[in-house]
Amino acid sequence: MIDILLATYNGSKFLKNQIDSISSQTYKDYLILVRDDGSTDNTLNIIKTCIAKYPDRIKLIEDGKGRLGPAHNFANLLNHAQSNYIMFCDQDDIWLPNKIELSLKAMKE
């Protein structure tokens, strides 16, 4: 299992494409942990729509801590990770279909 940490903030323009690129991975044993940092756009709605589509693959962290900034947002997500392997992901990335598979192989080597 791999935990994928996704810190979001006003990423509605890119977020759905990023989550779709992760869901299309060749390696399927992962959980996306998402924490939004107080977005004022449609980011939270997109996250909730994606959770409805992929309920076993995405978990929204709602901790009430408010705006932390990018570094602390990711650091907070690390506190929720439970897997032996962790990947970080930006909301505006697009992952090639074998990114997790190749990254996990490299980590294990």
PDB file of N, CA and C in Angstrom:
ATOM      1  N   MET A   1       0.852  -1.188   0.000  1.00  0.00           N
ATOM      2  CA  MET A   1       0.000   0.000   0.000  1.00  0.00           C
ATOM      3  C   MET A   1       0.886   1.236   0.000  1.00  0.00           C
ATOM      4  N   ILE A   2       0.455   2.225  -0.760  1.00  0.00           N
ATOM      5  CA  ILE A   2       1.126   3.520  -0.828  1.00  0.00           C
ATOM      6  C   ILE A   2       0.121   4.602  -0.457  1.00  0.00           C
ATOM      7  N   ASP A   3       0.536   5.515   0.401  1.00  0.00           N
ATOM      8  CA  ASP A   3      -0.266   6.703   0.671  1.00  0.00           C
ATOM      9  C   ASP A   3       0.245   7.813  -0.242  1.00  0.00           C
ATOM     10  N   ILE A   4      -0.677   8.432  -0.939  1.00  0.00           N
ATOM     11  CA  ILE A   4      -0.358   9.559  -1.811  1.00  0.00           C
ATOM     12  C   ILE A   4      -0.900  10.813  -1.133  1.00  0.00           C
ATOM     13  N   LEU A   5      -0.013  11.738  -0.826  1.00  0.00           N
ATOM     14  CA  LEU A   5      -0.398  12.949  -0.111  1.00  0.00           C
ATOM     15  C   LEU A   5      -0.646  14.071  -1.115  1.00  0.00           C
ATOM     16  N   LEU A   6      -1.847  14.607  -1.067  1.00  0.00           N
ATOM     17  CA  LEU A   6      -2.276  15.646  -2.006  1.00  0.00           C
ATOM     18  C   LEU A   6      -2.764  16.855  -1.214  1.00  0.00           C
ATOM     19  N   ALA A   7      -1.950  17.893  -1.183  1.00  0.00           N
ATOM     20  CA  ALA A   7      -2.306  19.146  -0.521  1.00  0.00           C
ATOM     21  C   ALA A   7      -2.932  20.061  -1.566  1.00  0.00           C
ATOM     22  N   THR A   8      -4.119  20.567  -1.270  1.00  0.00           N
ATOM     23  CA  THR A   8      -4.808  21.405  -2.257  1.00  0.00           C
ATOM     24  C   THR A   8      -5.055  22.811  -1.726  1.00  0.00           C
ATOM     25  N   TYR A   9      -5.114  23.734  -2.683  1.00  0.00           N
ATOM     26  CA  TYR A   9      -5.524  25.110  -2.400  1.00  0.00           C
ATOM     27  C   TYR A   9      -5.891  25.768  -3.732  1.00  0.00           C
ATOM     28  N   ASN A  10      -7.153  26.113  -3.879  1.00  0.00           N
ATOM     29  CA  ASN A  10      -7.662  26.757  -5.094  1.00  0.00           C
ATOM     30  C   ASN A  10      -7.144  26.074  -6.360  1.00  0.00           C
ATOM     31  N   GLY A  11      -7.276  24.757  -6.391  1.00  0.00           N
ATOM     32  CA  GLY A  11      -6.770  23.976  -7.516  1.00  0.00           C
ATOM     33  C   GLY A  11      -7.836  23.444  -8.446  1.00  0.00           C
ATOM     34  N   SER A  12      -9.007  24.056  -8.449  1.00  0.00           N
ATOM     35  CA  SER A  12     -10.118  23.501  -9.221  1.00  0.00           C
ATOM     36  C   SER A  12      -9.816  23.383 -10.713  1.00  0.00           C
ATOM     37  N   LYS A  13      -8.939  24.220 -11.219  1.00  0.00           N
ATOM     38  CA  LYS A  13      -8.615  24.190 -12.645  1.00  0.00           C
ATOM     39  C   LYS A  13      -7.897  22.895 -13.034  1.00  0.00           C
ATOM     40  N   PHE A  14      -7.146  22.296 -12.110  1.00  0.00           N
ATOM     41  CA  PHE A  14      -6.290  21.159 -12.427  1.00  0.00           C
ATOM     42  C   PHE A  14      -6.660  19.862 -11.705  1.00  0.00           C
ATOM     43  N   LEU A  15      -7.326  19.958 -10.585  1.00  0.00           N
ATOM     44  CA  LEU A  15      -7.459  18.859  -9.636  1.00  0.00           C
ATOM     45  C   LEU A  15      -8.093  17.592 -10.203  1.00  0.00           C
ATOM     46  N   LYS A  16      -9.185  17.722 -10.920  1.00  0.00           N
ATOM     47  CA  LYS A  16      -9.862  16.535 -11.452  1.00  0.00           C
ATOM     48  C   LYS A  16      -8.936  15.760 -12.380  1.00  0.00           C
ATOM     49  N   ASN A  17      -8.191  16.443 -13.232  1.00  0.00           N
ATOM     50  CA  ASN A  17      -7.269  15.758 -14.140  1.00  0.00           C
ATOM     51  C   ASN A  17      -6.183  15.021 -13.362  1.00  0.00           C
ATOM     52  N   GLN A  18      -5.703  15.624 -12.277  1.00  0.00           N
ATOM     53  CA  GLN A  18      -4.672  14.967 -11.473  1.00  0.00           C
ATOM     54  C   GLN A  18      -5.224  13.705 -10.832  1.00  0.00           C
ATOM     55  N   ILE A  19      -6.388  13.797 -10.214  1.00  0.00           N
ATOM     56  CA  ILE A  19      -6.975  12.622  -9.559  1.00  0.00           C
ATOM     57  C   ILE A  19      -7.291  11.539 -10.589  1.00  0.00           C
ATOM     58  N   ASP A  20      -7.784  11.921 -11.745  1.00  0.00           N
ATOM     59  CA  ASP A  20      -8.047  10.936 -12.805  1.00  0.00           C
ATOM     60  C   ASP A  20      -6.757  10.260 -13.263  1.00  0.00           C
ATOM     61  N   SER A  21      -5.656  11.011 -13.323  1.00  0.00           N
ATOM     62  CA  SER A  21      -4.391  10.398 -13.745  1.00  0.00           C
ATOM     63  C   SER A  21      -3.894   9.399 -12.691  1.00  0.00           C
ATOM     64  N   ILE A  22      -4.173   9.650 -11.433  1.00  0.00           N
ATOM     65  CA  ILE A  22      -3.800   8.690 -10.393  1.00  0.00           C
ATOM     66  C   ILE A  22      -4.704   7.464 -10.472  1.00  0.00           C
ATOM     67  N   SER A  23      -5.979   7.669 -10.709  1.00  0.00           N
ATOM     68  CA  SER A  23      -6.901   6.528 -10.774  1.00  0.00           C
ATOM     69  C   SER A  23      -6.631   5.629 -11.976  1.00  0.00           C
ATOM     70  N   SER A  24      -5.888   6.128 -12.947  1.00  0.00           N
ATOM     71  CA  SER A  24      -5.555   5.351 -14.143  1.00  0.00           C
ATOM     72  C   SER A  24      -4.216   4.613 -14.011  1.00  0.00           C
ATOM     73  N   GLN A  25      -3.657   4.576 -12.831  1.00  0.00           N
ATOM     74  CA  GLN A  25      -2.358   3.947 -12.624  1.00  0.00           C
ATOM     75  C   GLN A  25      -2.408   2.429 -12.818  1.00  0.00           C
ATOM     76  N   THR A  26      -1.291   1.857 -13.245  1.00  0.00           N
ATOM     77  CA  THR A  26      -1.184   0.407 -13.376  1.00  0.00           C
ATOM     78  C   THR A  26      -1.130  -0.241 -11.991  1.00  0.00           C
ATOM     79  N   TYR A  27      -0.586   0.451 -11.008  1.00  0.00           N
ATOM     80  CA  TYR A  27      -0.521  -0.037  -9.630  1.00  0.00           C
ATOM     81  C   TYR A  27      -1.744   0.499  -8.890  1.00  0.00           C
ATOM     82  N   LYS A  28      -2.509  -0.378  -8.267  1.00  0.00           N
ATOM     83  CA  LYS A  28      -3.807   0.027  -7.708  1.00  0.00           C
ATOM     84  C   LYS A  28      -3.894   0.025  -6.180  1.00  0.00           C
ATOM     85  N   ASP A  29      -2.837  -0.374  -5.482  1.00  0.00           N
ATOM     86  CA  ASP A  29      -2.912  -0.468  -4.026  1.00  0.00           C
ATOM     87  C   ASP A  29      -2.429   0.839  -3.397  1.00  0.00           C
ATOM     88  N   TYR A  30      -3.277   1.850  -3.430  1.00  0.00           N
ATOM     89  CA  TYR A  30      -2.915   3.167  -2.914  1.00  0.00           C
ATOM     90  C   TYR A  30      -4.126   3.819  -2.259  1.00  0.00           C
ATOM     91  N   LEU A  31      -3.851   4.831  -1.452  1.00  0.00           N
ATOM     92  CA  LEU A  31      -4.875   5.680  -0.869  1.00  0.00           C
ATOM     93  C   LEU A  31      -4.403   7.115  -1.017  1.00  0.00           C
ATOM     94  N   ILE A  32      -5.248   7.961  -1.579  1.00  0.00           N
ATOM     95  CA  ILE A  32      -4.947   9.384  -1.698  1.00  0.00           C
ATOM     96  C   ILE A  32      -5.484  10.075  -0.447  1.00  0.00           C
ATOM     97  N   LEU A  33      -4.596  10.714   0.286  1.00  0.00           N
ATOM     98  CA  LEU A  33      -4.992  11.522   1.434  1.00  0.00           C
ATOM     99  C   LEU A  33      -4.967  12.979   0.987  1.00  0.00           C
ATOM    100  N   VAL A  34      -6.119  13.631   1.062  1.00  0.00           N
ATOM    101  CA  VAL A  34      -6.245  15.009   0.589  1.00  0.00           C
ATOM    102  C   VAL A  34      -6.566  15.913   1.770  1.00  0.00           C
ATOM    103  N   ARG A  35      -5.861  17.025   1.827  1.00  0.00           N
ATOM    104  CA  ARG A  35      -6.211  18.074   2.789  1.00  0.00           C
ATOM    105  C   ARG A  35      -6.257  19.395   2.043  1.00  0.00           C
ATOM    106  N   ASP A  36      -7.418  20.030   2.110  1.00  0.00           N
ATOM    107  CA  ASP A  36      -7.565  21.337   1.471  1.00  0.00           C
ATOM    108  C   ASP A  36      -7.164  22.419   2.464  1.00  0.00           C
ATOM    109  N   ASP A  37      -6.517  23.457   1.948  1.00  0.00           N
ATOM    110  CA  ASP A  37      -5.958  24.505   2.788  1.00  0.00           C
ATOM    111  C   ASP A  37      -6.804  25.783   2.760  1.00  0.00           C
ATOM    112  N   GLY A  38      -8.120  25.602   2.699  1.00  0.00           N
ATOM    113  CA  GLY A  38      -9.004  26.767   2.749  1.00  0.00           C
ATOM    114  C   GLY A  38      -9.345  27.352   1.401  1.00  0.00           C
ATOM    115  N   SER A  39      -9.487  26.520   0.396  1.00  0.00           N
ATOM    116  CA  SER A  39      -9.812  26.999  -0.953  1.00  0.00           C
ATOM    117  C   SER A  39     -11.088  27.814  -0.975  1.00  0.00           C
ATOM    118  N   THR A  40     -11.114  28.807  -1.866  1.00  0.00           N
ATOM    119  CA  THR A  40     -12.307  29.626  -2.057  1.00  0.00           C
ATOM    120  C   THR A  40     -12.934  29.380  -3.421  1.00  0.00           C
ATOM    121  N   ASP A  41     -12.376  28.454  -4.181  1.00  0.00           N
ATOM    122  CA  ASP A  41     -12.951  28.103  -5.488  1.00  0.00           C
ATOM    123  C   ASP A  41     -13.727  26.785  -5.343  1.00  0.00           C
ATOM    124  N   ASN A  42     -13.826  26.010  -6.371  1.00  0.00           N
ATOM    125  CA  ASN A  42     -14.627  24.784  -6.399  1.00  0.00           C
ATOM    126  C   ASN A  42     -13.829  23.544  -5.981  1.00  0.00           C
ATOM    127  N   THR A  43     -12.654  23.717  -5.405  1.00  0.00           N
ATOM    128  CA  THR A  43     -11.775  22.598  -5.072  1.00  0.00           C
ATOM    129  C   THR A  43     -12.452  21.555  -4.189  1.00  0.00           C
ATOM    130  N   LEU A  44     -13.084  21.974  -3.113  1.00  0.00           N
ATOM    131  CA  LEU A  44     -13.717  21.007  -2.202  1.00  0.00           C
ATOM    132  C   LEU A  44     -14.826  20.219  -2.877  1.00  0.00           C
ATOM    133  N   ASN A  45     -15.604  20.862  -3.724  1.00  0.00           N
ATOM    134  CA  ASN A  45     -16.654  20.139  -4.448  1.00  0.00           C
ATOM    135  C   ASN A  45     -16.063  19.089  -5.376  1.00  0.00           C
ATOM    136  N   ILE A  46     -14.961  19.422  -6.018  1.00  0.00           N
ATOM    137  CA  ILE A  46     -14.293  18.464  -6.902  1.00  0.00           C
ATOM    138  C   ILE A  46     -13.770  17.283  -6.089  1.00  0.00           C
ATOM    139  N   ILE A  47     -13.168  17.558  -4.950  1.00  0.00           N
ATOM    140  CA  ILE A  47     -12.673  16.483  -4.086  1.00  0.00           C
ATOM    141  C   ILE A  47     -13.819  15.562  -3.683  1.00  0.00           C
ATOM    142  N   LYS A  48     -14.927  16.136  -3.251  1.00  0.00           N
ATOM    143  CA  LYS A  48     -16.067  15.324  -2.806  1.00  0.00           C
ATOM    144  C   LYS A  48     -16.677  14.519  -3.954  1.00  0.00           C
ATOM    145  N   THR A  49     -16.698  15.092  -5.153  1.00  0.00           N
ATOM    146  CA  THR A  49     -17.173  14.347  -6.330  1.00  0.00           C
ATOM    147  C   THR A  49     -16.246  13.172  -6.623  1.00  0.00           C
ATOM    148  N   CYS A  50     -14.951  13.406  -6.518  1.00  0.00           N
ATOM    149  CA  CYS A  50     -13.982  12.333  -6.757  1.00  0.00           C
ATOM    150  C   CYS A  50     -14.072  11.254  -5.682  1.00  0.00           C
ATOM    151  N   ILE A  51     -14.323  11.643  -4.439  1.00  0.00           N
ATOM    152  CA  ILE A  51     -14.504  10.657  -3.368  1.00  0.00           C
ATOM    153  C   ILE A  51     -15.724   9.788  -3.664  1.00  0.00           C
ATOM    154  N   ALA A  52     -16.800  10.393  -4.160  1.00  0.00           N
ATOM    155  CA  ALA A  52     -17.990   9.620  -4.515  1.00  0.00           C
ATOM    156  C   ALA A  52     -17.684   8.632  -5.648  1.00  0.00           C
ATOM    157  N   LYS A  53     -16.814   9.041  -6.556  1.00  0.00           N
ATOM    158  CA  LYS A  53     -16.443   8.185  -7.697  1.00  0.00           C
ATOM    159  C   LYS A  53     -15.457   7.091  -7.293  1.00  0.00           C
ATOM    160  N   TYR A  54     -14.528   7.419  -6.390  1.00  0.00           N
ATOM    161  CA  TYR A  54     -13.478   6.495  -5.937  1.00  0.00           C
ATOM    162  C   TYR A  54     -13.480   6.413  -4.402  1.00  0.00           C
ATOM    163  N   PRO A  55     -14.550   5.905  -3.788  1.00  0.00           N
ATOM    164  CA  PRO A  55     -14.678   5.985  -2.324  1.00  0.00           C
ATOM    165  C   PRO A  55     -13.608   5.221  -1.540  1.00  0.00           C
ATOM    166  N   ASP A  56     -13.045   4.175  -2.104  1.00  0.00           N
ATOM    167  CA  ASP A  56     -12.028   3.391  -1.396  1.00  0.00           C
ATOM    168  C   ASP A  56     -10.615   3.884  -1.672  1.00  0.00           C
ATOM    169  N   ARG A  57     -10.478   4.901  -2.509  1.00  0.00           N
ATOM    170  CA  ARG A  57      -9.158   5.363  -2.941  1.00  0.00           C
ATOM    171  C   ARG A  57      -8.793   6.758  -2.445  1.00  0.00           C
ATOM    172  N   ILE A  58      -9.784   7.514  -1.936  1.00  0.00           N
ATOM    173  CA  ILE A  58      -9.529   8.908  -1.546  1.00  0.00           C
ATOM    174  C   ILE A  58     -10.122   9.160  -0.165  1.00  0.00           C
ATOM    175  N   LYS A  59      -9.339   9.814   0.686  1.00  0.00           N
ATOM    176  CA  LYS A  59      -9.815  10.202   2.013  1.00  0.00           C
ATOM    177  C   LYS A  59      -9.520  11.687   2.204  1.00  0.00           C
ATOM    178  N   LEU A  60     -10.543  12.440   2.537  1.00  0.00           N
ATOM    179  CA  LEU A  60     -10.399  13.869   2.810  1.00  0.00           C
ATOM    180  C   LEU A  60     -10.102  14.059   4.296  1.00  0.00           C
ATOM    181  N   ILE A  61      -9.020  14.750   4.591  1.00  0.00           N
ATOM    182  CA  ILE A  61      -8.662  15.068   5.968  1.00  0.00           C
ATOM    183  C   ILE A  61      -9.290  16.419   6.309  1.00  0.00           C
ATOM    184  N   GLU A  62     -10.233  16.406   7.219  1.00  0.00           N
ATOM    185  CA  GLU A  62     -10.903  17.630   7.662  1.00  0.00           C
ATOM    186  C   GLU A  62     -10.561  17.815   9.144  1.00  0.00           C
ATOM    187  N   ASP A  63      -9.555  18.631   9.404  1.00  0.00           N
ATOM    188  CA  ASP A  63      -9.039  18.750  10.755  1.00  0.00           C
ATOM    189  C   ASP A  63      -9.360  20.081  11.432  1.00  0.00           C
ATOM    190  N   GLY A  64      -9.972  21.005  10.709  1.00  0.00           N
ATOM    191  CA  GLY A  64     -10.342  22.285  11.293  1.00  0.00           C
ATOM    192  C   GLY A  64      -9.170  23.195  11.638  1.00  0.00           C
ATOM    193  N   LYS A  65      -7.982  22.906  11.113  1.00  0.00           N
ATOM    194  CA  LYS A  65      -6.796  23.704  11.443  1.00  0.00           C
ATOM    195  C   LYS A  65      -6.667  24.958  10.604  1.00  0.00           C
ATOM    196  N   GLY A  66      -7.534  25.130   9.610  1.00  0.00           N
ATOM    197  CA  GLY A  66      -7.487  26.330   8.788  1.00  0.00           C
ATOM    198  C   GLY A  66      -6.310  26.339   7.833  1.00  0.00           C
ATOM    199  N   ARG A  67      -5.991  27.527   7.381  1.00  0.00           N
ATOM    200  CA  ARG A  67      -4.931  27.701   6.370  1.00  0.00           C
ATOM    201  C   ARG A  67      -3.561  27.529   7.014  1.00  0.00           C
ATOM    202  N   LEU A  68      -2.796  26.569   6.483  1.00  0.00           N
ATOM    203  CA  LEU A  68      -1.471  26.262   7.017  1.00  0.00           C
ATOM    204  C   LEU A  68      -0.342  26.658   6.076  1.00  0.00           C
ATOM    205  N   GLY A  69      -0.660  26.847   4.795  1.00  0.00           N
ATOM    206  CA  GLY A  69       0.382  27.068   3.796  1.00  0.00           C
ATOM    207  C   GLY A  69       0.851  25.726   3.254  1.00  0.00           C
ATOM    208  N   PRO A  70       1.505  25.725   2.090  1.00  0.00           N
ATOM    209  CA  PRO A  70       1.850  24.467   1.414  1.00  0.00           C
ATOM    210  C   PRO A  70       2.713  23.516   2.243  1.00  0.00           C
ATOM    211  N   ALA A  71       3.783  23.998   2.832  1.00  0.00           N
ATOM    212  CA  ALA A  71       4.693  23.110   3.565  1.00  0.00           C
ATOM    213  C   ALA A  71       4.006  22.471   4.767  1.00  0.00           C
ATOM    214  N   HIS A  72       3.277  23.257   5.531  1.00  0.00           N
ATOM    215  CA  HIS A  72       2.604  22.720   6.713  1.00  0.00           C
ATOM    216  C   HIS A  72       1.396  21.870   6.341  1.00  0.00           C
ATOM    217  N   ASN A  73       0.789  22.164   5.212  1.00  0.00           N
ATOM    218  CA  ASN A  73      -0.305  21.330   4.727  1.00  0.00           C
ATOM    219  C   ASN A  73       0.217  19.921   4.453  1.00  0.00           C
ATOM    220  N   PHE A  74       1.330  19.817   3.726  1.00  0.00           N
ATOM    221  CA  PHE A  74       1.936  18.511   3.471  1.00  0.00           C
ATOM    222  C   PHE A  74       2.416  17.854   4.769  1.00  0.00           C
ATOM    223  N   ALA A  75       3.014  18.637   5.659  1.00  0.00           N
ATOM    224  CA  ALA A  75       3.486  18.085   6.934  1.00  0.00           C
ATOM    225  C   ALA A  75       2.321  17.509   7.736  1.00  0.00           C
ATOM    226  N   ASN A  76       1.206  18.205   7.714  1.00  0.00           N
ATOM    227  CA  ASN A  76       0.015  17.713   8.408  1.00  0.00           C
ATOM    228  C   ASN A  76      -0.479  16.411   7.774  1.00  0.00           C
ATOM    229  N   LEU A  77      -0.437  16.329   6.458  1.00  0.00           N
ATOM    230  CA  LEU A  77      -0.826  15.088   5.786  1.00  0.00           C
ATOM    231  C   LEU A  77       0.085  13.935   6.191  1.00  0.00           C
ATOM    232  N   LEU A  78       1.367  14.216   6.376  1.00  0.00           N
ATOM    233  CA  LEU A  78       2.299  13.164   6.824  1.00  0.00           C
ATOM    234  C   LEU A  78       1.850  12.555   8.147  1.00  0.00           C
ATOM    235  N   ASN A  79       1.262  13.355   9.011  1.00  0.00           N
ATOM    236  CA  ASN A  79       0.777  12.848  10.298  1.00  0.00           C
ATOM    237  C   ASN A  79      -0.357  11.844  10.139  1.00  0.00           C
ATOM    238  N   HIS A  80      -1.041  11.872   9.002  1.00  0.00           N
ATOM    239  CA  HIS A  80      -2.168  10.969   8.758  1.00  0.00           C
ATOM    240  C   HIS A  80      -1.767   9.741   7.943  1.00  0.00           C
ATOM    241  N   ALA A  81      -0.578   9.759   7.365  1.00  0.00           N
ATOM    242  CA  ALA A  81      -0.122   8.638   6.539  1.00  0.00           C
ATOM    243  C   ALA A  81       0.182   7.437   7.418  1.00  0.00           C
ATOM    244  N   GLN A  82      -0.185   6.252   6.932  1.00  0.00           N
ATOM    245  CA  GLN A  82       0.042   5.037   7.704  1.00  0.00           C
ATOM    246  C   GLN A  82       0.789   3.971   6.912  1.00  0.00           C
ATOM    247  N   SER A  83       1.015   4.188   5.650  1.00  0.00           N
ATOM    248  CA  SER A  83       1.683   3.195   4.820  1.00  0.00           C
ATOM    249  C   SER A  83       3.194   3.279   4.970  1.00  0.00           C
ATOM    250  N   ASN A  84       3.865   2.214   4.592  1.00  0.00           N
ATOM    251  CA  ASN A  84       5.328   2.197   4.609  1.00  0.00           C
ATOM    252  C   ASN A  84       5.909   3.041   3.485  1.00  0.00           C
ATOM    253  N   TYR A  85       5.121   3.256   2.439  1.00  0.00           N
ATOM    254  CA  TYR A  85       5.571   4.024   1.280  1.00  0.00           C
ATOM    255  C   TYR A  85       4.644   5.205   1.073  1.00  0.00           C
ATOM    256  N   ILE A  86       5.256   6.376   0.830  1.00  0.00           N
ATOM    257  CA  ILE A  86       4.500   7.622   0.691  1.00  0.00           C
ATOM    258  C   ILE A  86       4.987   8.344  -0.556  1.00  0.00           C
ATOM    259  N   MET A  87       4.030   8.898  -1.296  1.00  0.00           N
ATOM    260  CA  MET A  87       4.352   9.737  -2.447  1.00  0.00           C
ATOM    261  C   MET A  87       3.652  11.082  -2.250  1.00  0.00           C
ATOM    262  N   PHE A  88       4.321  12.125  -2.675  1.00  0.00           N
ATOM    263  CA  PHE A  88       3.743  13.465  -2.626  1.00  0.00           C
ATOM    264  C   PHE A  88       3.251  13.835  -4.014  1.00  0.00           C
ATOM    265  N   CYS A  89       2.170  14.585  -4.061  1.00  0.00           N
ATOM    266  CA  CYS A  89       1.600  14.931  -5.353  1.00  0.00           C
ATOM    267  C   CYS A  89       1.049  16.346  -5.288  1.00  0.00           C
ATOM    268  N   ASP A  90       1.363  17.125  -6.309  1.00  0.00           N
ATOM    269  CA  ASP A  90       0.826  18.478  -6.419  1.00  0.00           C
ATOM    270  C   ASP A  90      -0.493  18.431  -7.178  1.00  0.00           C
ATOM    271  N   GLN A  91      -1.365  19.361  -6.857  1.00  0.00           N
ATOM    272  CA  GLN A  91      -2.704  19.354  -7.446  1.00  0.00           C
ATOM    273  C   GLN A  91      -2.703  19.613  -8.943  1.00  0.00           C
ATOM    274  N   ASP A  92      -1.627  20.169  -9.485  1.00  0.00           N
ATOM    275  CA  ASP A  92      -1.597  20.475 -10.915  1.00  0.00           C
ATOM    276  C   ASP A  92      -0.712  19.506 -11.704  1.00  0.00           C
ATOM    277  N   ASP A  93      -0.351  18.374 -11.080  1.00  0.00           N
ATOM    278  CA  ASP A  93       0.420  17.344 -11.779  1.00  0.00           C
ATOM    279  C   ASP A  93      -0.497  16.495 -12.653  1.00  0.00           C
ATOM    280  N   ILE A  94       0.097  15.818 -13.597  1.00  0.00           N
ATOM    281  CA  ILE A  94      -0.547  14.725 -14.325  1.00  0.00           C
ATOM    282  C   ILE A  94       0.459  13.577 -14.290  1.00  0.00           C
ATOM    283  N   TRP A  95       0.052  12.442 -13.745  1.00  0.00           N
ATOM    284  CA  TRP A  95       0.965  11.310 -13.606  1.00  0.00           C
ATOM    285  C   TRP A  95       0.837  10.367 -14.787  1.00  0.00           C
ATOM    286  N   LEU A  96       1.971   9.939 -15.317  1.00  0.00           N
ATOM    287  CA  LEU A  96       1.972   8.907 -16.346  1.00  0.00           C
ATOM    288  C   LEU A  96       1.432   7.617 -15.724  1.00  0.00           C
ATOM    289  N   PRO A  97       0.828   6.750 -16.521  1.00  0.00           N
ATOM    290  CA  PRO A  97       0.111   5.587 -15.976  1.00  0.00           C
ATOM    291  C   PRO A  97       0.940   4.629 -15.123  1.00  0.00           C
ATOM    292  N   ASN A  98       2.252   4.615 -15.278  1.00  0.00           N
ATOM    293  CA  ASN A  98       3.058   3.680 -14.490  1.00  0.00           C
ATOM    294  C   ASN A  98       3.933   4.379 -13.444  1.00  0.00           C
ATOM    295  N   LYS A  99       3.621   5.602 -13.105  1.00  0.00           N
ATOM    296  CA  LYS A  99       4.437   6.359 -12.141  1.00  0.00           C
ATOM    297  C   LYS A  99       4.520   5.655 -10.787  1.00  0.00           C
ATOM    298  N   ILE A 100       3.397   5.220 -10.238  1.00  0.00           N
ATOM    299  CA  ILE A 100       3.424   4.565  -8.929  1.00  0.00           C
ATOM    300  C   ILE A 100       4.213   3.258  -9.014  1.00  0.00           C
ATOM    301  N   GLU A 101       3.949   2.487 -10.022  1.00  0.00           N
ATOM    302  CA  GLU A 101       4.632   1.186 -10.191  1.00  0.00           C
ATOM    303  C   GLU A 101       6.152   1.376 -10.260  1.00  0.00           C
ATOM    304  N   LEU A 102       6.609   2.296 -11.076  1.00  0.00           N
ATOM    305  CA  LEU A 102       8.044   2.533 -11.228  1.00  0.00           C
ATOM    306  C   LEU A 102       8.647   3.153  -9.968  1.00  0.00           C
ATOM    307  N   SER A 103       7.932   4.070  -9.339  1.00  0.00           N
ATOM    308  CA  SER A 103       8.429   4.708  -8.117  1.00  0.00           C
ATOM    309  C   SER A 103       8.548   3.688  -6.978  1.00  0.00           C
ATOM    310  N   LEU A 104       7.545   2.836  -6.840  1.00  0.00           N
ATOM    311  CA  LEU A 104       7.592   1.818  -5.787  1.00  0.00           C
ATOM    312  C   LEU A 104       8.756   0.853  -6.016  1.00  0.00           C
ATOM    313  N   LYS A 105       8.965   0.457  -7.244  1.00  0.00           N
ATOM    314  CA  LYS A 105      10.083  -0.425  -7.574  1.00  0.00           C
ATOM    315  C   LYS A 105      11.417   0.226  -7.184  1.00  0.00           C
ATOM    316  N   ALA A 106      11.573   1.502  -7.510  1.00  0.00           N
ATOM    317  CA  ALA A 106      12.802   2.225  -7.157  1.00  0.00           C
ATOM    318  C   ALA A 106      12.947   2.355  -5.636  1.00  0.00           C
ATOM    319  N   MET A 107      11.862   2.609  -4.928  1.00  0.00           N
ATOM    320  CA  MET A 107      11.935   2.738  -3.476  1.00  0.00           C
ATOM    321  C   MET A 107      12.353   1.406  -2.830  1.00  0.00           C
ATOM    322  N   LYS A 108      11.832   0.316  -3.335  1.00  0.00           N
ATOM    323  CA  LYS A 108      12.157  -0.993  -2.768  1.00  0.00           C
ATOM    324  C   LYS A 108      13.594  -1.403  -3.060  1.00  0.00           C
ATOM    325  N   GLU A 109      14.133  -0.938  -4.178  1.00  0.00           N
ATOM    326  CA  GLU A 109      15.535  -1.254  -4.510  1.00  0.00           C
ATOM    327  C   GLU A 109      16.462  -0.478  -3.615  1.00  0.00           C
TER     328      GLU A 109
END
